[in-house]
Amino acid sequence: MRQIAVKFCGGCNPGYDRGAAYQKIKEAVSDCATVSLPSEGKAYDALLIIRGCTGCPYLYEEIHAKERILCVKQDDIPEVIQKIRNL
């Protein structure tokens, strides 16, 4: 089972419901991945960053993850799900 950490960015200018996106992604990959908030010092297969807009460049480099997956709009959800499944 893959370990995915999730961080939220974009509360200042959200263009879509980030909480709903998180739930949809988490449910869609529940058979192959555990998605949760990061724990200090733990390494992850990927860090899912759910942003509310395209303007923020922050990648949470302090979180140890082999890969970073970005979701910046509602239309990104299917691609994000596929990326997690393909890890």
Protein backbone atom coordinates (compact mmCIF):
# COMPACT_ATOMS: atom_id res chain seq x y z
CA MET A 1 0.00 0.00 0.00
CA ARG A 2 1.43 3.37 -1.04
CA GLN A 3 1.80 6.09 1.59
CA ILE A 4 0.66 9.51 0.40
CA ALA A 5 0.90 12.68 2.48
CA VAL A 6 -1.42 15.56 1.67
CA LYS A 7 -1.00 19.31 2.17
CA PHE A 8 -3.45 22.05 1.33
CA CYS A 9 -2.51 25.44 -0.11
CA GLY A 10 -4.69 28.13 -1.60
CA GLY A 11 -7.15 28.97 1.13
CA CYS A 12 -6.57 32.61 0.29
CA ASN A 13 -7.99 32.27 -3.24
CA PRO A 14 -9.61 28.87 -3.84
CA GLY A 15 -10.94 28.24 -7.34
CA TYR A 16 -12.70 25.00 -6.37
CA ASP A 17 -13.68 22.96 -3.30
CA ARG A 18 -10.34 21.53 -2.17
CA GLY A 19 -11.93 19.45 0.59
CA ALA A 20 -14.23 17.74 -1.90
CA ALA A 21 -11.27 17.12 -4.21
CA TYR A 22 -9.37 15.51 -1.33
CA GLN A 23 -12.29 13.22 -0.48
CA LYS A 24 -12.76 12.19 -4.11
CA ILE A 25 -9.04 11.41 -4.56
CA LYS A 26 -8.77 9.60 -1.22
CA GLU A 27 -11.79 7.40 -1.98
CA ALA A 28 -10.65 6.65 -5.54
CA VAL A 29 -7.23 5.35 -4.42
CA SER A 30 -8.28 3.69 -1.15
CA ASP A 31 -7.59 0.24 -2.61
CA CYS A 32 -3.93 1.05 -3.31
CA ALA A 33 -2.90 4.02 -1.14
CA THR A 34 -3.29 5.54 2.30
CA VAL A 35 -3.72 9.32 2.14
CA SER A 36 -3.15 11.33 5.32
CA LEU A 37 -1.63 14.46 6.76
CA PRO A 38 2.17 14.20 7.03
CA SER A 39 3.96 13.13 10.20
CA GLU A 40 7.31 14.67 11.07
CA GLY A 41 10.28 12.54 10.02
CA LYS A 42 8.25 10.02 8.02
CA ALA A 43 9.05 9.31 4.35
CA TYR A 44 6.24 9.00 1.80
CA ASP A 45 5.84 7.61 -1.67
CA ALA A 46 4.33 10.94 -2.72
CA LEU A 47 3.18 14.27 -1.41
CA LEU A 48 -0.17 15.39 -2.81
CA ILE A 49 -0.42 19.17 -2.78
CA ILE A 50 -3.98 20.39 -3.23
CA ARG A 51 -3.83 24.04 -4.21
CA GLY A 52 -6.62 26.49 -4.73
CA CYS A 53 -4.89 28.36 -7.54
CA THR A 54 -1.91 28.20 -9.88
CA GLY A 55 0.04 31.06 -8.32
CA CYS A 56 1.76 29.40 -5.35
CA PRO A 57 5.17 27.83 -6.05
CA TYR A 58 5.66 26.27 -2.57
CA LEU A 59 6.41 22.51 -2.70
CA TYR A 60 6.81 21.68 1.01
CA GLU A 61 10.40 20.52 0.56
CA GLU A 62 10.63 19.77 4.29
CA ILE A 63 8.33 16.78 3.77
CA HIS A 64 10.22 13.69 2.62
CA ALA A 65 8.51 12.21 -0.44
CA LYS A 66 9.80 10.49 -3.57
CA GLU A 67 7.40 12.46 -5.73
CA ARG A 68 5.18 15.55 -5.61
CA ILE A 69 1.75 15.50 -7.22
CA LEU A 70 -0.10 18.78 -7.72
CA CYS A 71 -3.83 19.35 -7.94
CA VAL A 72 -4.58 22.98 -8.80
CA LYS A 73 -8.06 22.73 -10.32
CA GLN A 74 -11.07 20.42 -10.39
CA ASP A 75 -10.09 19.09 -13.83
CA ASP A 76 -6.78 17.76 -12.40
CA ILE A 77 -8.49 15.15 -10.21
CA PRO A 78 -8.59 12.25 -12.76
CA GLU A 79 -4.90 12.76 -13.62
CA VAL A 80 -3.95 12.94 -9.92
CA ILE A 81 -5.78 9.67 -9.26
CA GLN A 82 -3.97 8.01 -12.17
CA LYS A 83 -0.57 9.28 -11.01
CA ILE A 84 -1.13 7.84 -7.54
CA ARG A 85 -2.23 4.50 -9.03
CA ASN A 86 0.90 4.42 -11.22
CA LEU A 87 3.39 5.01 -8.40
